[in-house]
N, C-alpha and C. Protein backbone atom coordinates (compact mmCIF):
# COMPACT_ATOMS: atom_id res chain seq x y z
N MET A 1 -6.41 8.52 69.80
CA MET A 1 -6.78 8.74 71.17
C MET A 1 -6.06 9.99 71.69
N THR A 2 -6.77 10.86 72.40
CA THR A 2 -6.15 12.08 72.93
C THR A 2 -5.57 11.82 74.31
N ALA A 3 -4.76 12.76 74.77
CA ALA A 3 -4.13 12.63 76.08
C ALA A 3 -5.16 12.59 77.19
N THR A 4 -6.26 13.34 77.04
CA THR A 4 -7.27 13.34 78.10
C THR A 4 -8.03 12.03 78.17
N GLU A 5 -8.10 11.27 77.08
CA GLU A 5 -8.77 9.98 77.11
C GLU A 5 -7.96 8.97 77.91
N ASN A 6 -6.64 9.18 78.04
CA ASN A 6 -5.79 8.29 78.80
C ASN A 6 -5.63 8.76 80.25
N ALA A 7 -6.11 9.93 80.58
CA ALA A 7 -5.93 10.50 81.92
C ALA A 7 -6.79 9.75 82.93
N PRO A 8 -6.35 9.70 84.18
CA PRO A 8 -7.18 9.09 85.22
C PRO A 8 -8.50 9.83 85.36
N GLU A 9 -9.51 9.13 85.81
CA GLU A 9 -10.86 9.68 85.92
C GLU A 9 -10.90 10.94 86.78
N ARG A 10 -10.16 11.00 87.87
CA ARG A 10 -10.24 12.16 88.75
C ARG A 10 -9.74 13.44 88.08
N LEU A 11 -8.93 13.32 87.03
CA LEU A 11 -8.47 14.50 86.32
C LEU A 11 -9.44 14.91 85.22
N LEU A 12 -10.33 14.03 84.83
CA LEU A 12 -11.26 14.32 83.76
C LEU A 12 -12.48 15.11 84.24
N SER A 13 -12.85 14.91 85.46
CA SER A 13 -14.08 15.50 85.96
C SER A 13 -13.80 16.53 87.05
N PRO A 14 -13.92 17.83 86.74
CA PRO A 14 -13.68 18.84 87.75
C PRO A 14 -14.67 18.78 88.90
N THR A 15 -15.84 18.20 88.69
CA THR A 15 -16.83 18.11 89.77
C THR A 15 -16.47 17.01 90.77
N SER A 16 -15.56 16.12 90.41
CA SER A 16 -15.20 15.05 91.33
C SER A 16 -14.11 15.47 92.30
N GLY A 17 -13.71 16.72 92.30
CA GLY A 17 -12.69 17.20 93.23
C GLY A 17 -11.33 17.24 92.58
N CYS A 18 -11.07 18.25 91.83
CA CYS A 18 -9.80 18.39 91.13
C CYS A 18 -8.64 18.37 92.10
N CYS A 19 -7.49 17.94 91.64
CA CYS A 19 -6.30 17.88 92.49
C CYS A 19 -5.95 19.27 93.00
N SER A 20 -5.69 19.34 94.28
CA SER A 20 -5.30 20.60 94.89
C SER A 20 -4.49 20.31 96.13
N LEU A 21 -3.32 20.91 96.24
CA LEU A 21 -2.52 20.72 97.44
C LEU A 21 -3.13 21.45 98.62
N HIS A 22 -3.81 22.52 98.37
CA HIS A 22 -4.36 23.35 99.43
C HIS A 22 -5.62 24.01 98.92
N GLY A 23 -6.50 24.39 99.81
CA GLY A 23 -7.71 25.09 99.41
C GLY A 23 -7.42 26.50 98.96
N SER A 24 -6.33 27.06 99.42
CA SER A 24 -5.95 28.42 99.03
C SER A 24 -4.43 28.48 98.91
N PRO A 25 -3.92 29.51 98.26
CA PRO A 25 -2.46 29.64 98.14
C PRO A 25 -1.81 29.77 99.52
N LEU A 26 -0.59 29.29 99.61
CA LEU A 26 0.15 29.34 100.88
C LEU A 26 0.62 30.76 101.19
N ASP A 27 0.56 31.10 102.47
CA ASP A 27 1.18 32.35 102.88
C ASP A 27 2.68 32.10 103.04
N THR A 28 3.44 33.15 103.18
CA THR A 28 4.90 33.04 103.24
C THR A 28 5.38 32.18 104.40
N ALA A 29 4.81 32.39 105.56
CA ALA A 29 5.24 31.63 106.75
C ALA A 29 5.00 30.14 106.59
N THR A 30 3.83 29.78 106.07
CA THR A 30 3.52 28.36 105.87
C THR A 30 4.43 27.76 104.79
N ALA A 31 4.65 28.49 103.72
CA ALA A 31 5.55 28.01 102.66
C ALA A 31 6.95 27.79 103.19
N ASP A 32 7.44 28.71 104.01
CA ASP A 32 8.78 28.57 104.59
C ASP A 32 8.85 27.34 105.50
N ARG A 33 7.82 27.15 106.32
CA ARG A 33 7.79 26.02 107.26
C ARG A 33 7.74 24.69 106.50
N MET A 34 6.89 24.60 105.49
CA MET A 34 6.78 23.36 104.72
C MET A 34 8.06 23.09 103.93
N ALA A 35 8.64 24.12 103.37
CA ALA A 35 9.89 23.96 102.60
C ALA A 35 11.01 23.45 103.50
N ALA A 36 11.10 23.95 104.72
CA ALA A 36 12.14 23.49 105.64
C ALA A 36 11.97 22.01 105.97
N LYS A 37 10.73 21.58 106.17
CA LYS A 37 10.48 20.17 106.46
C LYS A 37 10.83 19.30 105.25
N LEU A 38 10.36 19.72 104.08
CA LEU A 38 10.62 18.93 102.87
C LEU A 38 12.11 18.91 102.53
N LYS A 39 12.80 20.01 102.75
CA LYS A 39 14.24 20.06 102.49
C LYS A 39 14.97 19.10 103.42
N ALA A 40 14.57 19.07 104.68
CA ALA A 40 15.20 18.15 105.64
C ALA A 40 14.97 16.70 105.23
N LEU A 41 13.83 16.42 104.65
CA LEU A 41 13.50 15.06 104.23
C LEU A 41 14.14 14.67 102.91
N SER A 42 14.75 15.60 102.22
CA SER A 42 15.29 15.31 100.89
C SER A 42 16.65 14.62 100.91
N ASP A 43 17.20 14.37 102.07
CA ASP A 43 18.51 13.73 102.19
C ASP A 43 18.32 12.24 102.53
N PRO A 44 18.95 11.34 101.78
CA PRO A 44 18.78 9.90 102.04
C PRO A 44 19.21 9.47 103.45
N THR A 45 20.28 10.04 103.96
CA THR A 45 20.73 9.68 105.31
C THR A 45 19.70 10.12 106.34
N ARG A 46 19.12 11.30 106.16
CA ARG A 46 18.10 11.77 107.09
C ARG A 46 16.86 10.89 107.03
N LEU A 47 16.50 10.44 105.84
CA LEU A 47 15.36 9.53 105.72
C LEU A 47 15.63 8.23 106.45
N ARG A 48 16.84 7.71 106.35
CA ARG A 48 17.20 6.48 107.06
C ARG A 48 17.15 6.69 108.56
N ILE A 49 17.69 7.82 109.03
CA ILE A 49 17.65 8.13 110.47
C ILE A 49 16.21 8.22 110.92
N LEU A 50 15.41 8.95 110.18
CA LEU A 50 14.01 9.15 110.53
C LEU A 50 13.27 7.82 110.58
N SER A 51 13.54 6.93 109.64
CA SER A 51 12.85 5.64 109.62
C SER A 51 13.21 4.81 110.85
N HIS A 52 14.45 4.91 111.31
CA HIS A 52 14.84 4.18 112.52
C HIS A 52 14.19 4.76 113.77
N VAL A 53 14.10 6.06 113.84
CA VAL A 53 13.45 6.70 114.99
C VAL A 53 11.95 6.39 114.96
N ALA A 54 11.33 6.50 113.79
CA ALA A 54 9.90 6.24 113.66
C ALA A 54 9.55 4.79 113.96
N ALA A 55 10.45 3.87 113.66
CA ALA A 55 10.21 2.45 113.91
C ALA A 55 10.07 2.15 115.40
N GLN A 56 10.55 3.04 116.25
CA GLN A 56 10.45 2.86 117.69
C GLN A 56 9.12 3.35 118.25
N GLY A 57 8.28 3.91 117.38
CA GLY A 57 6.98 4.41 117.83
C GLY A 57 7.16 5.62 118.72
N CYS A 58 6.60 5.55 119.90
CA CYS A 58 6.66 6.67 120.83
C CYS A 58 7.92 6.66 121.69
N GLU A 59 8.73 5.64 121.56
CA GLU A 59 9.96 5.54 122.35
C GLU A 59 11.04 6.45 121.79
N SER A 60 11.83 7.03 122.68
CA SER A 60 12.97 7.84 122.26
C SER A 60 14.11 6.94 121.81
N VAL A 61 14.91 7.45 120.89
CA VAL A 61 16.05 6.70 120.36
C VAL A 61 17.32 7.47 120.69
N CYS A 62 18.29 6.76 121.25
CA CYS A 62 19.58 7.37 121.56
C CYS A 62 20.40 7.53 120.28
N ALA A 63 21.03 8.66 120.14
CA ALA A 63 21.89 8.89 118.98
C ALA A 63 22.97 7.81 118.91
N CYS A 64 23.41 7.34 120.07
CA CYS A 64 24.45 6.31 120.10
C CYS A 64 24.01 5.02 119.42
N ASP A 65 22.72 4.72 119.44
CA ASP A 65 22.20 3.51 118.81
C ASP A 65 22.16 3.61 117.29
N LEU A 66 22.17 4.81 116.77
CA LEU A 66 22.07 4.99 115.32
C LEU A 66 23.41 4.79 114.62
N ILE A 67 24.49 4.97 115.33
CA ILE A 67 25.83 4.89 114.73
C ILE A 67 26.07 3.52 114.11
N ASP A 68 25.86 2.45 114.89
CA ASP A 68 26.10 1.10 114.38
C ASP A 68 25.06 0.67 113.36
N VAL A 69 23.82 1.04 113.58
CA VAL A 69 22.73 0.63 112.68
C VAL A 69 22.91 1.22 111.29
N LEU A 70 23.33 2.47 111.22
CA LEU A 70 23.43 3.15 109.93
C LEU A 70 24.82 3.10 109.33
N ASP A 71 25.79 2.65 110.10
CA ASP A 71 27.18 2.59 109.64
C ASP A 71 27.65 3.96 109.14
N VAL A 72 27.37 4.99 109.96
CA VAL A 72 27.74 6.37 109.67
C VAL A 72 28.44 6.89 110.92
N SER A 73 29.36 7.80 110.73
CA SER A 73 30.12 8.32 111.88
C SER A 73 29.24 9.14 112.81
N GLN A 74 29.66 9.25 114.05
CA GLN A 74 28.90 10.00 115.06
C GLN A 74 28.72 11.47 114.67
N PRO A 75 29.77 12.16 114.17
CA PRO A 75 29.55 13.55 113.77
C PRO A 75 28.53 13.70 112.63
N THR A 76 28.51 12.75 111.71
CA THR A 76 27.55 12.80 110.61
C THR A 76 26.13 12.58 111.13
N ILE A 77 25.96 11.61 112.01
CA ILE A 77 24.65 11.36 112.63
C ILE A 77 24.18 12.62 113.36
N SER A 78 25.07 13.22 114.15
CA SER A 78 24.72 14.43 114.91
C SER A 78 24.29 15.57 114.00
N HIS A 79 25.02 15.75 112.90
CA HIS A 79 24.69 16.79 111.93
C HIS A 79 23.27 16.60 111.38
N HIS A 80 22.97 15.39 110.95
CA HIS A 80 21.66 15.12 110.35
C HIS A 80 20.54 15.19 111.39
N LEU A 81 20.80 14.73 112.59
CA LEU A 81 19.80 14.84 113.65
C LEU A 81 19.50 16.30 113.96
N LYS A 82 20.53 17.12 113.98
CA LYS A 82 20.35 18.55 114.23
C LYS A 82 19.44 19.17 113.16
N ARG A 83 19.65 18.80 111.91
CA ARG A 83 18.83 19.33 110.82
C ARG A 83 17.37 18.88 110.96
N LEU A 84 17.15 17.64 111.37
CA LEU A 84 15.79 17.14 111.56
C LEU A 84 15.10 17.84 112.73
N VAL A 85 15.85 18.15 113.77
CA VAL A 85 15.29 18.90 114.91
C VAL A 85 14.97 20.32 114.48
N GLU A 86 15.89 20.97 113.77
CA GLU A 86 15.66 22.35 113.30
C GLU A 86 14.45 22.46 112.39
N ALA A 87 14.18 21.40 111.63
CA ALA A 87 13.03 21.40 110.72
C ALA A 87 11.72 21.09 111.45
N GLY A 88 11.81 20.76 112.72
CA GLY A 88 10.61 20.48 113.50
C GLY A 88 10.06 19.08 113.31
N LEU A 89 10.92 18.14 112.91
CA LEU A 89 10.48 16.78 112.68
C LEU A 89 10.78 15.85 113.85
N LEU A 90 11.79 16.19 114.64
CA LEU A 90 12.19 15.42 115.82
C LEU A 90 12.34 16.34 117.02
N THR A 91 12.16 15.77 118.21
CA THR A 91 12.52 16.48 119.44
C THR A 91 13.80 15.87 119.97
N ARG A 92 14.55 16.66 120.71
CA ARG A 92 15.82 16.22 121.29
C ARG A 92 15.76 16.40 122.79
N GLU A 93 16.15 15.34 123.51
CA GLU A 93 16.22 15.39 124.97
C GLU A 93 17.61 14.91 125.41
N GLN A 94 18.30 15.74 126.14
CA GLN A 94 19.63 15.38 126.63
C GLN A 94 19.49 14.54 127.89
N ARG A 95 20.12 13.39 127.91
CA ARG A 95 20.16 12.51 129.08
C ARG A 95 21.62 12.17 129.36
N ARG A 96 22.17 12.83 130.33
CA ARG A 96 23.59 12.71 130.66
C ARG A 96 24.45 12.96 129.42
N LYS A 97 25.19 11.94 129.00
CA LYS A 97 26.13 12.11 127.88
C LYS A 97 25.44 12.11 126.51
N TRP A 98 24.31 11.42 126.38
CA TRP A 98 23.71 11.20 125.07
C TRP A 98 22.41 11.96 124.89
N ALA A 99 22.10 12.23 123.63
CA ALA A 99 20.84 12.86 123.27
C ALA A 99 19.89 11.79 122.75
N TYR A 100 18.62 11.95 123.08
CA TYR A 100 17.58 11.03 122.66
C TYR A 100 16.59 11.78 121.78
N TYR A 101 16.09 11.11 120.77
CA TYR A 101 15.25 11.75 119.76
C TYR A 101 13.92 11.03 119.63
N THR A 102 12.88 11.82 119.40
CA THR A 102 11.52 11.31 119.25
C THR A 102 10.86 12.03 118.07
N ILE A 103 10.02 11.31 117.36
CA ILE A 103 9.25 11.87 116.24
C ILE A 103 8.25 12.89 116.77
N ILE A 104 8.07 13.98 116.04
CA ILE A 104 6.99 14.94 116.32
C ILE A 104 5.84 14.57 115.40
N GLN A 105 4.88 13.87 115.94
CA GLN A 105 3.77 13.34 115.15
C GLN A 105 3.01 14.44 114.40
N ALA A 106 2.81 15.58 115.04
CA ALA A 106 2.04 16.67 114.42
C ALA A 106 2.72 17.19 113.15
N ALA A 107 4.04 17.15 113.11
CA ALA A 107 4.76 17.61 111.92
C ALA A 107 4.45 16.73 110.72
N PHE A 108 4.33 15.44 110.95
CA PHE A 108 4.04 14.53 109.84
C PHE A 108 2.57 14.55 109.46
N THR A 109 1.72 14.85 110.41
CA THR A 109 0.31 15.05 110.09
C THR A 109 0.16 16.27 109.19
N GLU A 110 0.89 17.35 109.53
CA GLU A 110 0.85 18.56 108.72
C GLU A 110 1.37 18.29 107.30
N LEU A 111 2.48 17.55 107.19
CA LEU A 111 3.02 17.21 105.87
C LEU A 111 2.04 16.35 105.08
N ARG A 112 1.47 15.36 105.73
CA ARG A 112 0.52 14.48 105.05
C ARG A 112 -0.67 15.28 104.53
N ASP A 113 -1.21 16.15 105.37
CA ASP A 113 -2.35 16.96 104.96
C ASP A 113 -1.99 17.89 103.81
N PHE A 114 -0.79 18.45 103.87
CA PHE A 114 -0.33 19.36 102.81
C PHE A 114 -0.20 18.63 101.48
N LEU A 115 0.31 17.41 101.51
CA LEU A 115 0.56 16.65 100.29
C LEU A 115 -0.64 15.84 99.80
N ASN A 116 -1.69 15.79 100.58
CA ASN A 116 -2.86 15.00 100.23
C ASN A 116 -3.56 15.60 99.01
N LEU A 117 -3.61 14.85 97.93
CA LEU A 117 -4.21 15.34 96.69
C LEU A 117 -5.68 14.97 96.56
N THR A 118 -6.21 14.22 97.49
CA THR A 118 -7.61 13.81 97.36
C THR A 118 -8.52 14.58 98.27
């Protein structure tokens, strides 16, 4: 048996829509933007923070609430939140002493579309 006989059907038939991340090659600006988002997501602590913020739906999450939930120090939480904001994945709103964070839905739509292989 050859390797192609074991391959999934979608890889065997070019007419069925071969795998493609994009219809055309990425320009530099788009590649930089996507790389920044993916790099921000490559850290386990950031993924945990993001999952807690995303679990709140459209509600903002106070940075103070993440400290106890994640069992991570406040400076570490702040560092990772800053990286997620810089990557365009979260928004930050200052409310008196604390900052509140919300998911940027469009950023995840863009990532999903970029990574969609079908």
